[in-house]
Amino acid sequence: MEYHNPVLLKECIDGLNINPEGIYVDVTFGGGGHSREILKHLTTGKLYAFDQDDDAVKNKIDDPRFVLIKQNFRYLKNFLKLYNALPIDGLLADLGVSSHQFDEAERGFSIRFDAKLDMRMDQNGKVTAADVLNTYSEEDLKRIFRIYGEVDNAGYLASIIFHSRKTKAIETVNDLKVTITKCVKRGKENQYYAQVFQALRIEVNKELEVLEELLTQSLEVLKPNGRLVVMSYHSLEDRLVKNFMRSGKFEGEVEKDFFGNQLTPFKQITRKPIVPTTEELESNTRSRSAKLRVAEKK
């Protein structure tokens, strides 16, 4: 099964600062590229990986040091407790959609194919993108397009969808494109559709909510000096990660003690995010918007 080349592979491994006998977690297993590389650096250590996607489970690595947990990573702490794997030495999260999911037309993630508007990363999930488009209130549609898609004319877009669906349900990628064609600026079609699709995907999979849960739990599961390595692909995710690594909060306000010293749970290893080199951008288009941040628990 074709999966993407892992993005910023060397930088992720360097960020984890691997102890060969340590316990590591890859919460976004996917094609297993990062996991395979982590295993090369372990001797008696263990690697636990999470993925809720049935397709990813087919890439399971046959290695006694490896355990694949078919779950959403929002259940990180519960499952590590179940496996008696706490505390851990490092956690890696490569957020966003795998290119395999984009390339499978029937998953409905991509604007390139006509397919049912699905977009569920967990195929047992209840709500699809079509459900969002056909059942959400106009106000909720506007909110998700404005916040998650950063769409300029989110109000107009929501209104068009809300009124169009009364005559015909929006079920497929082409239905959606035809419905919203008058909202799109000429020459900016692909960018606009990408923003709309991003908003729907984030809503269907509750991506930001789940990311906040993961980051909060990372503090509880990491050992002191344990590493948190997170790669994000859009500004909303990156902002949450940056604020959390800086202050232990999502709003980013740093607490101070009585003497005015900053109380932060992490030491930031990367002040600025690491981004792909020109060579990587040329060989792996998926790395285009990647930003990698690394922090160490104090």
C-alpha atoms as a PDB file:
ATOM      1  CA  MET A   1       0.000   0.000   0.000  1.00  0.00           C
ATOM      2  CA  GLU A   2       1.511   3.325  -1.075  1.00  0.00           C
ATOM      3  CA  TYR A   3       2.089   5.798   1.731  1.00  0.00           C
ATOM      4  CA  HIS A   4       4.041   9.041   1.596  1.00  0.00           C
ATOM      5  CA  ASN A   5       7.716   9.370   2.401  1.00  0.00           C
ATOM      6  CA  PRO A   6       7.875  10.460   6.029  1.00  0.00           C
ATOM      7  CA  VAL A   7       8.326  14.225   6.284  1.00  0.00           C
ATOM      8  CA  LEU A   8      11.376  15.707   8.120  1.00  0.00           C
ATOM      9  CA  LEU A   9      12.406  12.183   9.109  1.00  0.00           C
ATOM     10  CA  LYS A  10      15.934  12.927  10.354  1.00  0.00           C
ATOM     11  CA  GLU A  11      14.763  16.057  12.181  1.00  0.00           C
ATOM     12  CA  CYS A  12      11.981  14.105  13.959  1.00  0.00           C
ATOM     13  CA  ILE A  13      14.424  11.400  15.101  1.00  0.00           C
ATOM     14  CA  ASP A  14      16.981  14.002  16.245  1.00  0.00           C
ATOM     15  CA  GLY A  15      14.181  15.791  18.115  1.00  0.00           C
ATOM     16  CA  LEU A  16      13.241  12.631  20.026  1.00  0.00           C
ATOM     17  CA  ASN A  17      16.857  12.285  21.238  1.00  0.00           C
ATOM     18  CA  ILE A  18      16.319   8.523  21.491  1.00  0.00           C
ATOM     19  CA  ASN A  19      17.476   6.450  24.455  1.00  0.00           C
ATOM     20  CA  PRO A  20      17.925   2.899  23.018  1.00  0.00           C
ATOM     21  CA  GLU A  21      16.269   1.402  26.119  1.00  0.00           C
ATOM     22  CA  GLY A  22      13.437   3.929  26.317  1.00  0.00           C
ATOM     23  CA  ILE A  23       9.701   3.806  25.674  1.00  0.00           C
ATOM     24  CA  TYR A  24       8.447   5.834  22.686  1.00  0.00           C
ATOM     25  CA  VAL A  25       5.072   6.569  21.163  1.00  0.00           C
ATOM     26  CA  ASP A  26       4.219   7.437  17.557  1.00  0.00           C
ATOM     27  CA  VAL A  27       0.617   8.646  17.744  1.00  0.00           C
ATOM     28  CA  THR A  28       0.192   8.907  13.951  1.00  0.00           C
ATOM     29  CA  PHE A  29       1.434   5.584  12.583  1.00  0.00           C
ATOM     30  CA  GLY A  30       0.079   5.844   8.999  1.00  0.00           C
ATOM     31  CA  GLY A  31       2.507   4.136   6.635  1.00  0.00           C
ATOM     32  CA  GLY A  32       4.912   3.485   9.503  1.00  0.00           C
ATOM     33  CA  GLY A  33       7.849   5.473   8.093  1.00  0.00           C
ATOM     34  CA  HIS A  34       8.680   7.307  11.305  1.00  0.00           C
ATOM     35  CA  SER A  35       8.037   4.191  13.416  1.00  0.00           C
ATOM     36  CA  ARG A  36      10.462   2.063  11.379  1.00  0.00           C
ATOM     37  CA  GLU A  37      13.159   4.684  11.842  1.00  0.00           C
ATOM     38  CA  ILE A  38      12.553   4.906  15.619  1.00  0.00           C
ATOM     39  CA  LEU A  39      12.883   1.097  15.898  1.00  0.00           C
ATOM     40  CA  LYS A  40      16.325   1.263  14.247  1.00  0.00           C
ATOM     41  CA  HIS A  41      17.504   3.353  17.213  1.00  0.00           C
ATOM     42  CA  LEU A  42      16.101   1.063  19.936  1.00  0.00           C
ATOM     43  CA  THR A  43      17.817  -1.940  21.558  1.00  0.00           C
ATOM     44  CA  THR A  44      15.654  -3.156  24.454  1.00  0.00           C
ATOM     45  CA  GLY A  45      13.291  -0.161  24.157  1.00  0.00           C
ATOM     46  CA  LYS A  46       9.615  -0.342  23.137  1.00  0.00           C
ATOM     47  CA  LEU A  47       7.568   1.572  20.596  1.00  0.00           C
ATOM     48  CA  TYR A  48       3.789   1.987  20.860  1.00  0.00           C
ATOM     49  CA  ALA A  49       1.980   3.395  17.838  1.00  0.00           C
ATOM     50  CA  PHE A  50      -1.601   4.669  17.483  1.00  0.00           C
ATOM     51  CA  ASP A  51      -3.779   4.832  14.371  1.00  0.00           C
ATOM     52  CA  GLN A  52      -7.554   4.623  14.010  1.00  0.00           C
ATOM     53  CA  ASP A  53      -7.507   4.037  10.235  1.00  0.00           C
ATOM     54  CA  ASP A  54      -8.164   0.460   9.021  1.00  0.00           C
ATOM     55  CA  ASP A  55      -5.770   1.029   6.087  1.00  0.00           C
ATOM     56  CA  ALA A  56      -2.890   1.989   8.395  1.00  0.00           C
ATOM     57  CA  VAL A  57      -3.313  -1.194  10.432  1.00  0.00           C
ATOM     58  CA  LYS A  58      -2.323  -3.182   7.319  1.00  0.00           C
ATOM     59  CA  ASN A  59       1.187  -1.650   7.622  1.00  0.00           C
ATOM     60  CA  LYS A  60       1.771  -3.129  11.089  1.00  0.00           C
ATOM     61  CA  ILE A  61       5.456  -3.843  11.774  1.00  0.00           C
ATOM     62  CA  ASP A  62       6.390  -7.394  12.749  1.00  0.00           C
ATOM     63  CA  ASP A  63       8.807  -6.710  15.602  1.00  0.00           C
ATOM     64  CA  PRO A  64       8.581  -7.833  19.254  1.00  0.00           C
ATOM     65  CA  ARG A  65       9.467  -4.289  20.396  1.00  0.00           C
ATOM     66  CA  PHE A  66       6.474  -2.815  18.522  1.00  0.00           C
ATOM     67  CA  VAL A  67       2.803  -2.556  19.553  1.00  0.00           C
ATOM     68  CA  LEU A  68       0.133  -1.026  17.290  1.00  0.00           C
ATOM     69  CA  ILE A  69      -2.971   0.294  19.062  1.00  0.00           C
ATOM     70  CA  LYS A  70      -5.969   0.792  16.760  1.00  0.00           C
ATOM     71  CA  GLN A  71      -7.371   3.862  18.475  1.00  0.00           C
ATOM     72  CA  ASN A  72      -7.631   7.616  18.179  1.00  0.00           C
ATOM     73  CA  PHE A  73      -4.690   9.199  20.004  1.00  0.00           C
ATOM     74  CA  ARG A  74      -7.101  11.116  22.252  1.00  0.00           C
ATOM     75  CA  TYR A  75      -7.097   7.862  24.304  1.00  0.00           C
ATOM     76  CA  LEU A  76      -3.302   7.964  24.661  1.00  0.00           C
ATOM     77  CA  LYS A  77      -3.042   7.908  28.451  1.00  0.00           C
ATOM     78  CA  ASN A  78      -5.698   5.194  28.967  1.00  0.00           C
ATOM     79  CA  PHE A  79      -4.060   2.778  26.544  1.00  0.00           C
ATOM     80  CA  LEU A  80      -0.507   3.387  27.744  1.00  0.00           C
ATOM     81  CA  LYS A  81      -1.768   2.687  31.255  1.00  0.00           C
ATOM     82  CA  LEU A  82      -3.446  -0.492  29.978  1.00  0.00           C
ATOM     83  CA  TYR A  83      -0.126  -1.648  28.444  1.00  0.00           C
ATOM     84  CA  ASN A  84       1.756  -0.692  31.598  1.00  0.00           C
ATOM     85  CA  ALA A  85       3.924   1.613  29.476  1.00  0.00           C
ATOM     86  CA  LEU A  86       4.040   4.766  31.626  1.00  0.00           C
ATOM     87  CA  PRO A  87       5.946   7.031  31.839  1.00  0.00           C
ATOM     88  CA  ILE A  88       7.403   7.412  28.338  1.00  0.00           C
ATOM     89  CA  ASP A  89      10.661   8.900  27.012  1.00  0.00           C
ATOM     90  CA  GLY A  90       9.285  10.545  23.894  1.00  0.00           C
ATOM     91  CA  LEU A  91       6.193  11.191  21.811  1.00  0.00           C
ATOM     92  CA  LEU A  92       5.984  11.934  18.087  1.00  0.00           C
ATOM     93  CA  ALA A  93       2.906  13.339  16.308  1.00  0.00           C
ATOM     94  CA  ASP A  94       2.822  13.919  12.537  1.00  0.00           C
ATOM     95  CA  LEU A  95      -0.542  15.669  12.196  1.00  0.00           C
ATOM     96  CA  GLY A  96      -2.671  16.076   9.089  1.00  0.00           C
ATOM     97  CA  VAL A  97      -3.857  13.604   6.490  1.00  0.00           C
ATOM     98  CA  SER A  98      -1.635  10.932   4.977  1.00  0.00           C
ATOM     99  CA  SER A  99      -1.235  11.149   1.221  1.00  0.00           C
ATOM    100  CA  HIS A 100      -2.668   7.619   1.084  1.00  0.00           C
ATOM    101  CA  GLN A 101      -5.949   9.004   2.430  1.00  0.00           C
ATOM    102  CA  PHE A 102      -5.859  11.791  -0.171  1.00  0.00           C
ATOM    103  CA  ASP A 103      -5.134   9.294  -2.954  1.00  0.00           C
ATOM    104  CA  GLU A 104      -8.001   6.919  -2.108  1.00  0.00           C
ATOM    105  CA  ALA A 105     -10.810   8.555  -4.065  1.00  0.00           C
ATOM    106  CA  GLU A 106     -13.641   6.948  -2.110  1.00  0.00           C
ATOM    107  CA  ARG A 107     -12.430   8.468   1.178  1.00  0.00           C
ATOM    108  CA  GLY A 108     -13.628  11.866  -0.099  1.00  0.00           C
ATOM    109  CA  PHE A 109     -10.622  13.847   1.216  1.00  0.00           C
ATOM    110  CA  SER A 110      -9.433  15.161  -2.123  1.00  0.00           C
ATOM    111  CA  ILE A 111     -10.800  17.777  -4.526  1.00  0.00           C
ATOM    112  CA  ARG A 112      -9.209  15.803  -7.397  1.00  0.00           C
ATOM    113  CA  PHE A 113     -11.816  13.018  -7.534  1.00  0.00           C
ATOM    114  CA  ASP A 114     -15.584  12.912  -7.529  1.00  0.00           C
ATOM    115  CA  ALA A 115     -16.634  10.738  -4.612  1.00  0.00           C
ATOM    116  CA  LYS A 116     -19.001  10.765  -1.666  1.00  0.00           C
ATOM    117  CA  LEU A 117     -18.113  13.506   0.833  1.00  0.00           C
ATOM    118  CA  ASP A 118     -16.835  11.279   3.627  1.00  0.00           C
ATOM    119  CA  MET A 119     -13.539  12.548   5.165  1.00  0.00           C
ATOM    120  CA  ARG A 120     -13.652  10.307   8.252  1.00  0.00           C
ATOM    121  CA  MET A 121     -10.179   9.237   9.373  1.00  0.00           C
ATOM    122  CA  ASP A 122     -11.857   6.587  11.508  1.00  0.00           C
ATOM    123  CA  GLN A 123     -14.157   4.747   9.103  1.00  0.00           C
ATOM    124  CA  ASN A 124     -16.401   3.772  12.014  1.00  0.00           C
ATOM    125  CA  GLY A 125     -16.973   7.439  12.920  1.00  0.00           C
ATOM    126  CA  LYS A 126     -20.605   8.599  12.849  1.00  0.00           C
ATOM    127  CA  VAL A 127     -20.437  11.977  11.075  1.00  0.00           C
ATOM    128  CA  THR A 128     -19.315  12.471   7.460  1.00  0.00           C
ATOM    129  CA  ALA A 129     -18.603  15.714   5.588  1.00  0.00           C
ATOM    130  CA  ALA A 130     -21.941  15.294   3.776  1.00  0.00           C
ATOM    131  CA  ASP A 131     -23.706  15.175   7.171  1.00  0.00           C
ATOM    132  CA  VAL A 132     -22.034  18.451   8.167  1.00  0.00           C
ATOM    133  CA  LEU A 133     -23.049  20.160   4.897  1.00  0.00           C
ATOM    134  CA  ASN A 134     -26.640  18.940   4.974  1.00  0.00           C
ATOM    135  CA  THR A 135     -27.539  19.209   8.668  1.00  0.00           C
ATOM    136  CA  TYR A 136     -25.521  22.006  10.304  1.00  0.00           C
ATOM    137  CA  SER A 137     -27.170  25.380  10.863  1.00  0.00           C
ATOM    138  CA  GLU A 138     -26.097  28.287   8.653  1.00  0.00           C
ATOM    139  CA  GLU A 139     -24.390  29.872  11.679  1.00  0.00           C
ATOM    140  CA  ASP A 140     -22.381  26.698  12.445  1.00  0.00           C
ATOM    141  CA  LEU A 141     -21.341  26.327   8.812  1.00  0.00           C
ATOM    142  CA  LYS A 142     -20.145  29.936   8.801  1.00  0.00           C
ATOM    143  CA  ARG A 143     -18.181  29.329  12.007  1.00  0.00           C
ATOM    144  CA  ILE A 144     -16.334  26.247  10.751  1.00  0.00           C
ATOM    145  CA  PHE A 145     -15.499  27.821   7.359  1.00  0.00           C
ATOM    146  CA  ARG A 146     -14.294  31.021   8.990  1.00  0.00           C
ATOM    147  CA  ILE A 147     -12.270  29.456  11.814  1.00  0.00           C
ATOM    148  CA  TYR A 148     -11.072  26.114  10.401  1.00  0.00           C
ATOM    149  CA  GLY A 149     -10.800  27.063   6.727  1.00  0.00           C
ATOM    150  CA  GLU A 150      -9.915  30.743   7.160  1.00  0.00           C
ATOM    151  CA  VAL A 151     -12.305  31.349   4.241  1.00  0.00           C
ATOM    152  CA  ASP A 152     -12.759  35.089   3.467  1.00  0.00           C
ATOM    153  CA  ASN A 153     -16.430  34.987   2.476  1.00  0.00           C
ATOM    154  CA  ALA A 154     -17.476  32.317   5.017  1.00  0.00           C
ATOM    155  CA  GLY A 155     -20.895  33.940   5.586  1.00  0.00           C
ATOM    156  CA  TYR A 156     -21.764  33.995   1.882  1.00  0.00           C
ATOM    157  CA  LEU A 157     -20.483  30.419   1.448  1.00  0.00           C
ATOM    158  CA  ALA A 158     -22.582  29.148   4.384  1.00  0.00           C
ATOM    159  CA  SER A 159     -25.677  30.924   3.063  1.00  0.00           C
ATOM    160  CA  ILE A 160     -25.292  29.403  -0.442  1.00  0.00           C
ATOM    161  CA  ILE A 161     -24.904  25.877   1.006  1.00  0.00           C
ATOM    162  CA  PHE A 162     -27.776  26.345   3.469  1.00  0.00           C
ATOM    163  CA  HIS A 163     -30.229  27.481   0.764  1.00  0.00           C
ATOM    164  CA  SER A 164     -29.062  25.083  -1.990  1.00  0.00           C
ATOM    165  CA  ARG A 165     -29.452  21.949   0.119  1.00  0.00           C
ATOM    166  CA  LYS A 166     -33.190  22.639   0.535  1.00  0.00           C
ATOM    167  CA  THR A 167     -33.708  21.685  -3.102  1.00  0.00           C
ATOM    168  CA  LYS A 168     -30.929  19.072  -3.445  1.00  0.00           C
ATOM    169  CA  ALA A 169     -28.733  17.389  -0.846  1.00  0.00           C
ATOM    170  CA  ILE A 170     -24.972  17.877  -1.252  1.00  0.00           C
ATOM    171  CA  GLU A 171     -23.603  14.315  -1.318  1.00  0.00           C
ATOM    172  CA  THR A 172     -20.485  14.286  -3.523  1.00  0.00           C
ATOM    173  CA  VAL A 173     -17.343  16.326  -4.190  1.00  0.00           C
ATOM    174  CA  ASN A 174     -18.825  17.517  -7.514  1.00  0.00           C
ATOM    175  CA  ASP A 175     -22.135  18.453  -5.854  1.00  0.00           C
ATOM    176  CA  LEU A 176     -20.199  20.698  -3.491  1.00  0.00           C
ATOM    177  CA  LYS A 177     -18.059  22.274  -6.232  1.00  0.00           C
ATOM    178  CA  VAL A 178     -21.120  23.032  -8.374  1.00  0.00           C
ATOM    179  CA  THR A 179     -23.035  24.431  -5.378  1.00  0.00           C
ATOM    180  CA  ILE A 180     -20.304  26.847  -4.318  1.00  0.00           C
ATOM    181  CA  THR A 181     -18.942  27.819  -7.718  1.00  0.00           C
ATOM    182  CA  LYS A 182     -20.213  31.405  -7.411  1.00  0.00           C
ATOM    183  CA  CYS A 183     -18.332  31.887  -4.110  1.00  0.00           C
ATOM    184  CA  VAL A 184     -14.950  31.174  -5.697  1.00  0.00           C
ATOM    185  CA  LYS A 185     -12.575  33.855  -7.010  1.00  0.00           C
ATOM    186  CA  ARG A 186     -11.509  33.252 -10.607  1.00  0.00           C
ATOM    187  CA  GLY A 187      -8.036  31.743 -10.811  1.00  0.00           C
ATOM    188  CA  LYS A 188      -8.089  30.821  -7.090  1.00  0.00           C
ATOM    189  CA  GLU A 189     -10.389  27.795  -7.406  1.00  0.00           C
ATOM    190  CA  ASN A 190      -8.032  25.121  -6.051  1.00  0.00           C
ATOM    191  CA  GLN A 191      -6.912  27.217  -3.103  1.00  0.00           C
ATOM    192  CA  TYR A 192     -10.526  28.006  -2.202  1.00  0.00           C
ATOM    193  CA  TYR A 193     -11.690  24.388  -2.441  1.00  0.00           C
ATOM    194  CA  ALA A 194      -8.678  23.314  -0.351  1.00  0.00           C
ATOM    195  CA  GLN A 195      -9.696  25.754   2.423  1.00  0.00           C
ATOM    196  CA  VAL A 196     -13.312  24.532   2.346  1.00  0.00           C
ATOM    197  CA  PHE A 197     -12.187  20.875   2.441  1.00  0.00           C
ATOM    198  CA  GLN A 198      -9.764  21.578   5.286  1.00  0.00           C
ATOM    199  CA  ALA A 199     -12.573  23.130   7.344  1.00  0.00           C
ATOM    200  CA  LEU A 200     -14.873  20.152   6.765  1.00  0.00           C
ATOM    201  CA  ARG A 201     -12.133  17.623   7.541  1.00  0.00           C
ATOM    202  CA  ILE A 202     -11.185  19.361  10.808  1.00  0.00           C
ATOM    203  CA  GLU A 203     -14.851  19.422  11.868  1.00  0.00           C
ATOM    204  CA  VAL A 204     -15.593  15.797  10.896  1.00  0.00           C
ATOM    205  CA  ASN A 205     -12.554  14.485  12.782  1.00  0.00           C
ATOM    206  CA  LYS A 206     -12.637  17.078  15.616  1.00  0.00           C
ATOM    207  CA  GLU A 207      -8.933  17.555  14.870  1.00  0.00           C
ATOM    208  CA  LEU A 208      -8.215  20.611  17.025  1.00  0.00           C
ATOM    209  CA  GLU A 209     -10.142  19.257  19.995  1.00  0.00           C
ATOM    210  CA  VAL A 210      -8.266  15.953  19.750  1.00  0.00           C
ATOM    211  CA  LEU A 211      -4.928  17.778  19.410  1.00  0.00           C
ATOM    212  CA  GLU A 212      -5.610  19.749  22.605  1.00  0.00           C
ATOM    213  CA  GLU A 213      -6.402  16.487  24.420  1.00  0.00           C
ATOM    214  CA  LEU A 214      -3.175  14.912  23.114  1.00  0.00           C
ATOM    215  CA  LEU A 215      -1.005  17.857  24.180  1.00  0.00           C
ATOM    216  CA  THR A 216      -2.603  18.015  27.640  1.00  0.00           C
ATOM    217  CA  GLN A 217      -2.024  14.265  28.124  1.00  0.00           C
ATOM    218  CA  SER A 218       1.560  14.479  26.843  1.00  0.00           C
ATOM    219  CA  LEU A 219       2.499  16.334  30.025  1.00  0.00           C
ATOM    220  CA  GLU A 220       1.012  13.541  32.111  1.00  0.00           C
ATOM    221  CA  VAL A 221       2.675  10.651  30.256  1.00  0.00           C
ATOM    222  CA  LEU A 222       6.175  12.024  29.592  1.00  0.00           C
ATOM    223  CA  LYS A 223       9.062  11.489  32.017  1.00  0.00           C
ATOM    224  CA  PRO A 224      11.046  14.529  33.132  1.00  0.00           C
ATOM    225  CA  ASN A 225      13.433  15.268  30.194  1.00  0.00           C
ATOM    226  CA  GLY A 226      11.072  13.338  27.896  1.00  0.00           C
ATOM    227  CA  ARG A 227      10.681  14.832  24.427  1.00  0.00           C
ATOM    228  CA  LEU A 228       7.521  16.034  22.665  1.00  0.00           C
ATOM    229  CA  VAL A 229       7.943  16.266  18.868  1.00  0.00           C
ATOM    230  CA  VAL A 230       5.009  17.621  16.860  1.00  0.00           C
ATOM    231  CA  MET A 231       4.712  18.303  13.136  1.00  0.00           C
ATOM    232  CA  SER A 232       1.758  20.345  11.923  1.00  0.00           C
ATOM    233  CA  TYR A 233       0.555  21.430   8.495  1.00  0.00           C
ATOM    234  CA  HIS A 234      -1.653  24.456   9.068  1.00  0.00           C
ATOM    235  CA  SER A 235      -1.540  27.580  11.192  1.00  0.00           C
ATOM    236  CA  LEU A 236      -4.369  26.571  13.565  1.00  0.00           C
ATOM    237  CA  GLU A 237      -2.542  23.421  14.689  1.00  0.00           C
ATOM    238  CA  ASP A 238       0.836  25.129  14.801  1.00  0.00           C
ATOM    239  CA  ARG A 239      -0.537  27.923  17.007  1.00  0.00           C
ATOM    240  CA  LEU A 240      -1.884  25.402  19.555  1.00  0.00           C
ATOM    241  CA  VAL A 241       1.425  23.503  19.590  1.00  0.00           C
ATOM    242  CA  LYS A 242       3.528  26.679  19.865  1.00  0.00           C
ATOM    243  CA  ASN A 243       1.437  28.105  22.724  1.00  0.00           C
ATOM    244  CA  PHE A 244       1.361  24.826  24.611  1.00  0.00           C
ATOM    245  CA  MET A 245       5.114  24.255  24.346  1.00  0.00           C
ATOM    246  CA  ARG A 246       5.760  27.839  25.428  1.00  0.00           C
ATOM    247  CA  SER A 247       3.360  28.070  28.359  1.00  0.00           C
ATOM    248  CA  GLY A 248       1.576  24.767  28.973  1.00  0.00           C
ATOM    249  CA  LYS A 249      -1.659  26.507  27.897  1.00  0.00           C
ATOM    250  CA  PHE A 250      -3.455  26.973  24.584  1.00  0.00           C
ATOM    251  CA  GLU A 251      -3.969  30.712  24.937  1.00  0.00           C
ATOM    252  CA  GLY A 252      -0.216  31.068  25.350  1.00  0.00           C
ATOM    253  CA  GLU A 253      -0.236  33.289  28.469  1.00  0.00           C
ATOM    254  CA  VAL A 254       2.722  32.337  30.651  1.00  0.00           C
ATOM    255  CA  GLU A 255       2.095  32.082  34.418  1.00  0.00           C
ATOM    256  CA  LYS A 256       4.662  33.580  36.784  1.00  0.00           C
ATOM    257  CA  ASP A 257       5.598  32.761  40.351  1.00  0.00           C
ATOM    258  CA  PHE A 258       5.788  35.232  43.263  1.00  0.00           C
ATOM    259  CA  PHE A 259       9.240  36.393  42.093  1.00  0.00           C
ATOM    260  CA  GLY A 260       8.161  36.926  38.486  1.00  0.00           C
ATOM    261  CA  ASN A 261       9.880  33.779  37.157  1.00  0.00           C
ATOM    262  CA  GLN A 262       7.990  32.091  34.322  1.00  0.00           C
ATOM    263  CA  LEU A 263       6.297  28.822  35.288  1.00  0.00           C
ATOM    264  CA  THR A 264       6.477  26.647  32.210  1.00  0.00           C
ATOM    265  CA  PRO A 265       6.295  22.857  32.067  1.00  0.00           C
ATOM    266  CA  PHE A 266       8.531  22.590  28.987  1.00  0.00           C
ATOM    267  CA  LYS A 267      11.937  23.700  27.839  1.00  0.00           C
ATOM    268  CA  GLN A 268      11.633  24.677  24.175  1.00  0.00           C
ATOM    269  CA  ILE A 269      14.268  22.875  22.104  1.00  0.00           C
ATOM    270  CA  THR A 270      13.192  24.725  18.944  1.00  0.00           C
ATOM    271  CA  ARG A 271      12.508  28.446  19.343  1.00  0.00           C
ATOM    272  CA  LYS A 272      11.407  28.668  15.722  1.00  0.00           C
ATOM    273  CA  PRO A 273       9.788  25.763  13.871  1.00  0.00           C
ATOM    274  CA  ILE A 274      11.975  23.515  11.714  1.00  0.00           C
ATOM    275  CA  VAL A 275      10.830  23.538   8.077  1.00  0.00           C
ATOM    276  CA  PRO A 276      11.823  21.287   5.152  1.00  0.00           C
ATOM    277  CA  THR A 277      14.924  22.005   3.076  1.00  0.00           C
ATOM    278  CA  THR A 278      14.652  22.937  -0.612  1.00  0.00           C
ATOM    279  CA  GLU A 279      15.741  19.377  -1.512  1.00  0.00           C
ATOM    280  CA  GLU A 280      12.981  17.825   0.582  1.00  0.00           C
ATOM    281  CA  LEU A 281      10.381  20.205  -0.858  1.00  0.00           C
ATOM    282  CA  GLU A 282      11.396  19.129  -4.368  1.00  0.00           C
ATOM    283  CA  SER A 283      11.332  15.397  -3.619  1.00  0.00           C
ATOM    284  CA  ASN A 284       8.279  15.338  -1.338  1.00  0.00           C
ATOM    285  CA  THR A 285       5.504  17.819  -2.104  1.00  0.00           C
ATOM    286  CA  ARG A 286       3.590  16.739   1.007  1.00  0.00           C
ATOM    287  CA  SER A 287       6.234  18.444   3.148  1.00  0.00           C
ATOM    288  CA  ARG A 288       5.280  21.847   1.707  1.00  0.00           C
ATOM    289  CA  SER A 289       3.558  23.350   4.744  1.00  0.00           C
ATOM    290  CA  ALA A 290       5.189  21.235   7.482  1.00  0.00           C
ATOM    291  CA  LYS A 291       6.387  22.889  10.694  1.00  0.00           C
ATOM    292  CA  LEU A 292       8.177  20.841  13.332  1.00  0.00           C
ATOM    293  CA  ARG A 293       8.445  21.898  16.982  1.00  0.00           C
ATOM    294  CA  VAL A 294      10.307  20.113  19.774  1.00  0.00           C
ATOM    295  CA  ALA A 295      10.053  20.568  23.557  1.00  0.00           C
ATOM    296  CA  GLU A 296      11.446  18.774  26.587  1.00  0.00           C
ATOM    297  CA  LYS A 297       9.478  18.252  29.787  1.00  0.00           C
ATOM    298  CA  LYS A 298      11.152  19.964  32.735  1.00  0.00           C
END
